[in-house]
Protein backbone atom coordinates (compact mmCIF):
# COMPACT_ATOMS: atom_id res chain seq x y z
CA MET A 1 49.51 38.14 55.99
CA ARG A 2 51.65 36.86 53.52
CA LEU A 3 50.80 37.76 49.95
CA VAL A 4 51.37 35.07 47.37
CA GLN A 5 52.84 36.60 44.08
CA ARG A 6 50.87 34.98 41.27
CA SER A 7 52.28 34.53 37.76
CA VAL A 8 50.54 36.35 34.96
CA LEU A 9 50.84 33.30 32.86
CA PRO A 10 49.46 30.00 33.74
CA GLY A 11 51.61 27.61 35.75
CA PHE A 12 54.66 25.60 34.60
CA GLY A 13 52.96 22.50 33.80
CA LEU A 14 50.88 24.02 31.20
CA THR A 15 53.32 26.39 29.62
CA MET A 16 55.78 23.81 29.57
CA GLY A 17 53.68 21.41 27.87
CA ILE A 18 52.40 24.00 25.18
CA THR A 19 56.22 24.54 24.61
CA VAL A 20 57.10 20.89 24.02
CA THR A 21 54.13 20.51 21.86
CA TYR A 22 54.66 23.68 19.69
CA LEU A 23 58.48 23.00 19.20
CA SER A 24 57.74 19.26 18.40
CA LEU A 25 55.32 20.28 15.53
CA ILE A 26 57.39 22.95 14.43
CA VAL A 27 61.11 21.60 14.76
CA LEU A 28 61.43 18.07 15.97
CA ILE A 29 59.09 16.20 13.80
CA PRO A 30 59.76 17.94 10.62
CA LEU A 31 63.66 17.33 11.19
CA SER A 32 63.23 13.79 12.26
CA GLY A 33 61.39 13.14 8.86
CA LEU A 34 64.89 13.46 7.21
CA PHE A 35 65.98 10.48 9.44
CA LEU A 36 62.93 8.36 8.60
CA ALA A 37 63.35 9.04 4.94
CA THR A 38 66.87 7.70 5.07
CA SER A 39 66.58 4.99 7.75
CA GLN A 40 66.53 2.24 5.17
CA LEU A 41 69.63 3.07 3.37
CA GLU A 42 72.78 1.40 3.59
CA TRP A 43 76.06 3.00 4.54
CA SER A 44 77.48 2.40 0.86
CA ASP A 45 74.44 4.79 -0.56
CA PHE A 46 75.16 7.31 2.09
CA HIS A 47 78.90 7.43 1.11
CA ARG A 48 77.94 7.18 -2.88
CA ILE A 49 75.72 10.33 -2.63
CA LEU A 50 77.71 12.47 -0.42
CA THR A 51 80.88 11.85 -1.99
CA ASN A 52 79.51 12.57 -5.47
CA PRO A 53 82.25 15.41 -6.70
CA LEU A 54 79.56 18.18 -7.20
CA VAL A 55 78.04 17.56 -3.82
CA MET A 56 81.41 17.77 -1.93
CA LYS A 57 82.15 21.09 -4.00
CA SER A 58 78.82 22.25 -3.05
CA PHE A 59 79.58 21.53 0.79
CA LYS A 60 82.94 23.14 0.66
CA LEU A 61 81.84 26.33 -0.96
CA THR A 62 79.10 26.90 1.42
CA PHE A 63 80.77 26.44 4.47
CA ARG A 64 83.70 28.41 2.99
CA ALA A 65 81.57 31.30 1.94
CA SER A 66 79.52 31.49 4.98
CA PHE A 67 82.36 31.33 7.39
CA LEU A 68 84.03 34.20 5.40
CA ALA A 69 81.00 36.50 5.05
CA ALA A 70 80.19 35.98 8.86
CA CYS A 71 83.83 37.07 9.50
CA ILE A 72 83.46 40.21 7.42
CA ASN A 73 80.16 40.89 9.03
CA ALA A 74 81.67 40.40 12.45
CA VAL A 75 84.42 43.16 11.69
CA PHE A 76 82.18 45.88 9.77
CA GLY A 77 78.89 44.85 11.78
CA PHE A 78 80.92 45.97 15.01
CA VAL A 79 81.90 49.28 13.16
CA VAL A 80 78.47 50.04 12.06
CA ALA A 81 76.98 49.23 15.59
CA TRP A 82 79.23 51.40 17.35
CA VAL A 83 78.72 54.07 15.11
CA LEU A 84 74.85 53.90 15.58
CA VAL A 85 74.98 53.80 19.15
CA ARG A 86 77.71 55.97 20.33
CA TYR A 87 77.01 58.91 17.78
CA ARG A 88 74.29 61.20 17.08
CA PHE A 89 74.13 62.81 13.45
CA CYS A 90 71.67 63.54 10.75
CA GLY A 91 70.22 60.41 9.21
CA ARG A 92 70.97 58.12 12.03
CA ARG A 93 67.49 56.80 12.39
CA PHE A 94 67.30 56.35 8.86
CA LEU A 95 70.61 54.26 8.83
CA ASP A 96 69.29 52.22 11.80
CA ALA A 97 66.07 51.37 9.76
CA MET A 98 68.12 50.55 6.72
CA VAL A 99 69.80 47.56 8.63
CA ASP A 100 66.86 45.67 9.07
CA LEU A 101 65.92 46.00 5.29
CA PRO A 102 67.55 42.40 4.53
CA PHE A 103 64.84 40.97 7.11
CA ALA A 104 62.10 42.62 5.33
CA LEU A 105 63.04 41.94 1.82
CA PRO A 106 62.48 38.84 0.08
CA THR A 107 65.81 37.07 -0.59
CA ALA A 108 64.79 36.56 -4.35
CA VAL A 109 64.39 40.55 -4.80
CA SER A 110 67.83 41.20 -2.86
CA GLY A 111 69.37 38.70 -5.09
CA ILE A 112 68.17 40.39 -8.25
CA ALA A 113 69.21 43.81 -6.88
CA LEU A 114 72.65 42.39 -6.31
CA ALA A 115 72.94 40.61 -9.51
CA GLN A 116 71.73 43.78 -11.64
CA LEU A 117 74.36 45.99 -9.32
CA TYR A 118 77.34 43.75 -9.68
CA SER A 119 76.82 42.30 -13.15
CA ASP A 120 79.80 43.28 -15.81
CA LYS A 121 77.60 46.14 -17.07
CA GLY A 122 76.10 47.13 -13.55
CA TRP A 123 76.58 50.27 -11.98
CA ILE A 124 79.10 48.74 -9.52
CA GLY A 125 80.35 45.61 -11.36
CA GLN A 126 81.46 47.68 -14.43
CA TRP A 127 84.36 49.25 -12.33
CA PHE A 128 85.84 46.02 -11.19
CA PRO A 129 88.53 44.49 -13.52
CA PHE A 130 87.33 41.02 -12.53
CA PRO A 131 83.82 39.32 -12.85
CA ILE A 132 81.64 39.34 -9.64
CA ARG A 133 78.34 37.53 -10.84
CA GLY A 134 78.65 33.95 -11.23
CA THR A 135 81.76 33.61 -9.17
CA GLU A 136 82.36 32.52 -5.60
CA LEU A 137 83.02 36.50 -4.83
CA GLY A 138 79.42 37.14 -5.85
CA VAL A 139 78.23 34.02 -3.63
CA THR A 140 80.19 35.55 -0.73
CA LEU A 141 78.79 38.98 -1.31
CA ALA A 142 75.21 37.84 -1.04
CA LEU A 143 75.65 36.01 2.15
CA ILE A 144 77.54 39.16 3.53
CA PHE A 145 73.99 41.08 2.58
CA ILE A 146 71.62 38.84 4.43
CA GLY A 147 73.69 38.28 7.62
CA LEU A 148 74.73 41.73 8.24
CA PRO A 149 71.89 42.66 10.40
CA PHE A 150 72.40 39.75 12.86
CA VAL A 151 75.86 41.05 13.68
CA ILE A 152 74.53 44.65 14.35
CA ARG A 153 71.15 43.78 16.14
CA THR A 154 73.14 41.52 18.55
CA LEU A 155 75.95 44.02 19.32
CA GLN A 156 73.95 47.16 19.94
CA PRO A 157 72.50 46.30 23.19
CA SER A 158 76.00 45.18 24.43
CA ILE A 159 77.57 48.40 23.25
CA GLU A 160 74.76 50.60 24.85
CA GLU A 161 75.55 48.86 28.14
CA LEU A 162 79.24 49.69 28.11
CA GLU A 163 80.16 52.53 30.54
CA LYS A 164 82.22 55.47 29.02
CA GLU A 165 83.82 56.00 32.47
CA LEU A 166 85.63 52.94 31.78
CA GLU A 167 87.22 54.08 28.87
CA GLU A 168 88.00 57.40 30.50
CA VAL A 169 89.47 55.67 33.41
CA SER A 170 91.58 53.63 30.97
CA ALA A 171 92.87 56.70 29.24
CA SER A 172 93.67 58.35 32.63
CA LEU A 173 95.97 55.57 33.61
CA GLY A 174 97.79 55.96 30.27
CA ALA A 175 96.30 53.38 28.05
CA ASN A 176 96.18 54.40 24.25
CA ARG A 177 93.10 53.92 22.42
CA TRP A 178 94.22 50.55 20.86
CA GLN A 179 94.85 49.17 24.46
CA THR A 180 91.48 50.49 25.72
CA PHE A 181 89.74 48.85 23.06
CA ARG A 182 91.73 45.60 23.37
CA LYS A 183 91.64 45.45 27.19
CA VAL A 184 88.40 47.18 27.99
CA ILE A 185 86.06 47.24 25.18
CA PHE A 186 86.72 44.14 23.27
CA PRO A 187 86.35 41.72 26.33
CA MET A 188 82.65 43.12 27.20
CA VAL A 189 81.38 42.89 23.75
CA LEU A 190 82.92 39.56 22.83
CA PRO A 191 80.08 37.31 23.90
CA ALA A 192 77.65 39.46 22.02
CA LEU A 193 80.01 39.35 18.72
CA ILE A 194 80.46 35.78 18.80
CA THR A 195 76.64 35.37 19.17
CA GLY A 196 76.19 37.70 16.06
CA PHE A 197 78.64 35.81 14.51
CA SER A 198 77.17 32.26 14.85
CA MET A 199 73.61 33.60 13.95
CA ALA A 200 75.10 35.33 10.51
CA PHE A 201 76.97 32.01 9.86
CA ALA A 202 73.93 29.83 10.42
CA ARG A 203 71.67 32.30 8.44
CA ALA A 204 74.22 32.11 5.42
CA LEU A 205 74.52 28.05 5.60
CA GLY A 206 70.81 28.01 4.85
CA GLU A 207 70.57 30.81 2.23
CA TYR A 208 69.35 30.03 -1.26
CA GLY A 209 67.16 32.99 -3.09
CA SER A 210 69.74 35.89 -3.26
CA VAL A 211 72.73 33.31 -3.87
CA MET A 212 70.83 31.83 -7.03
CA PHE A 213 70.70 35.05 -9.06
CA ILE A 214 74.13 36.43 -8.38
CA GLY A 215 75.97 33.36 -8.09
CA GLY A 216 74.16 31.56 -11.03
CA MET A 217 74.13 28.26 -9.62
CA ILE A 218 76.88 26.97 -11.74
CA PRO A 219 77.51 23.19 -10.92
CA GLY A 220 80.91 22.56 -9.49
CA LYS A 221 81.41 26.38 -9.27
CA THR A 222 78.99 28.39 -7.39
CA GLU A 223 76.41 25.89 -6.60
CA ILE A 224 75.70 25.67 -2.77
CA VAL A 225 73.93 22.78 -0.91
CA SER A 226 70.61 24.12 -1.06
CA SER A 227 70.60 24.29 -4.79
CA VAL A 228 72.11 20.64 -5.00
CA ILE A 229 69.08 19.42 -2.57
CA ILE A 230 66.56 21.25 -5.13
CA GLN A 231 68.42 19.65 -7.98
CA LYS A 232 68.35 16.09 -6.37
CA LEU A 233 64.64 16.13 -6.01
CA TYR A 234 64.17 16.37 -9.78
CA GLU A 235 66.03 13.33 -10.30
CA GLU A 236 65.06 9.50 -10.13
CA ASN A 237 64.33 8.55 -6.63
CA GLY A 238 65.52 12.33 -5.74
CA GLN A 239 63.67 12.46 -2.43
CA VAL A 240 65.98 10.00 -0.67
CA SER A 241 69.07 11.48 -2.39
CA ALA A 242 67.93 15.06 -1.31
CA SER A 243 67.25 13.71 2.16
CA VAL A 244 70.48 12.35 2.72
CA VAL A 245 72.20 15.86 1.43
CA ALA A 246 69.79 17.71 3.85
CA MET A 247 70.41 15.48 6.62
CA ALA A 248 74.26 15.76 6.20
CA MET A 249 73.73 19.53 6.09
CA LEU A 250 71.83 19.58 9.31
CA LEU A 251 74.29 17.44 11.32
CA SER A 252 77.19 19.72 9.95
CA SER A 253 75.48 22.81 10.84
CA PHE A 254 74.37 21.34 14.23
CA ALA A 255 77.77 20.39 15.07
CA LEU A 256 79.61 23.86 14.16
CA LEU A 257 76.92 25.61 15.84
CA LEU A 258 77.43 23.25 18.96
CA LEU A 259 81.18 24.19 18.70
CA ILE A 260 80.40 28.04 18.51
CA ASN A 261 77.94 27.88 21.63
CA LEU A 262 80.77 26.10 23.53
CA ILE A 263 83.20 28.80 22.37
CA GLN A 264 80.62 31.70 23.64
CA MET A 265 80.03 29.92 27.10
CA TRP A 266 83.84 29.68 27.54
CA SER A 267 84.18 33.35 26.68
CA ASN A 268 81.01 34.40 28.98
CA ARG A 269 82.80 32.40 31.94
CA LYS A 270 86.21 33.91 31.38
CA PHE A 271 84.55 37.41 31.33
CA THR A 272 82.75 36.61 34.58
CA MET A 273 85.73 35.38 36.21
CA SER A 274 87.80 38.53 34.87
CA SER A 275 84.88 40.79 36.48
C-alpha cells in the first residue's frame, strides 16, 4: 500500500491565494498608488520636478553615499563575520548580539547617538581635524551603521559551510594565504557577499532617521531623497511633487537591485559550473 505524504500546510491553491492577496495589500497596491497619483501629469511636469537642482543633488548624494557605505560594509562585514564564525574567544556571544543592535534601535536614536559622538565636541569627533556632523561623511557614516548587520548576517551561514579541509588542501599544494583566499574562500562566499551588499545598499537608499541628525539635512549639501520627499509634502500641491520624486526613487532602486540580482545569478552560475 502506497502512503501519500500530506503537506502540513493547506494545498497550493489556498496558500498561493493568501500569498498574492497579502503581497498585493502590503506591497503592490501601495506602490501602484504612486503611479496613480502622477498619472495625470505631463512629461514636462516630471522633467521640471526631477531636474530641480536640489532634487538632483539629493539623488546623487543618496546613491553615492549608499554605494560607498555598502562597499565599506562588504569589506569590514566579511572580516567581522569571519571572526565571529571561525574563532572562539571571551565575549564572542556579546559581540554577536551587538551586531543586531542597529536592527532593534529606532533610527532616530542611532542618529542622535552618532551626532553626539561625532560632533565637533563629541567624544570621537573632537579628535578629527575636519568636521563630520553636517557633512557627506556623516551621512555615509550613518548609512554604514544601519547597513552593517545585513552583510554580517548574510555571510555567517556561508562561512560556517566552508570546509576547513579545502584550505588545508590548498596550503598543502603550496598556495599561500592570499592565494587560498582568492581562489578557494572568496569564490565560495561571493554569492552571499553580493546578497549582503545588495541588502545593505537597498536599506541605505531608504534611510531617513539616522541621517537626519548627523547629516543635518542641509539643502544641496546633506539632504537625501527621503528628506526631499518630506519637504515636498509641505509645499503647495506637494503631494504630487512628492509622488514624482518617490516614483523616480522607486524605479531607480528597482533597476539597480535588478542589476545586482543579475550579477548574483551570474556569480551563482559561475560558481556552480566551477564546482
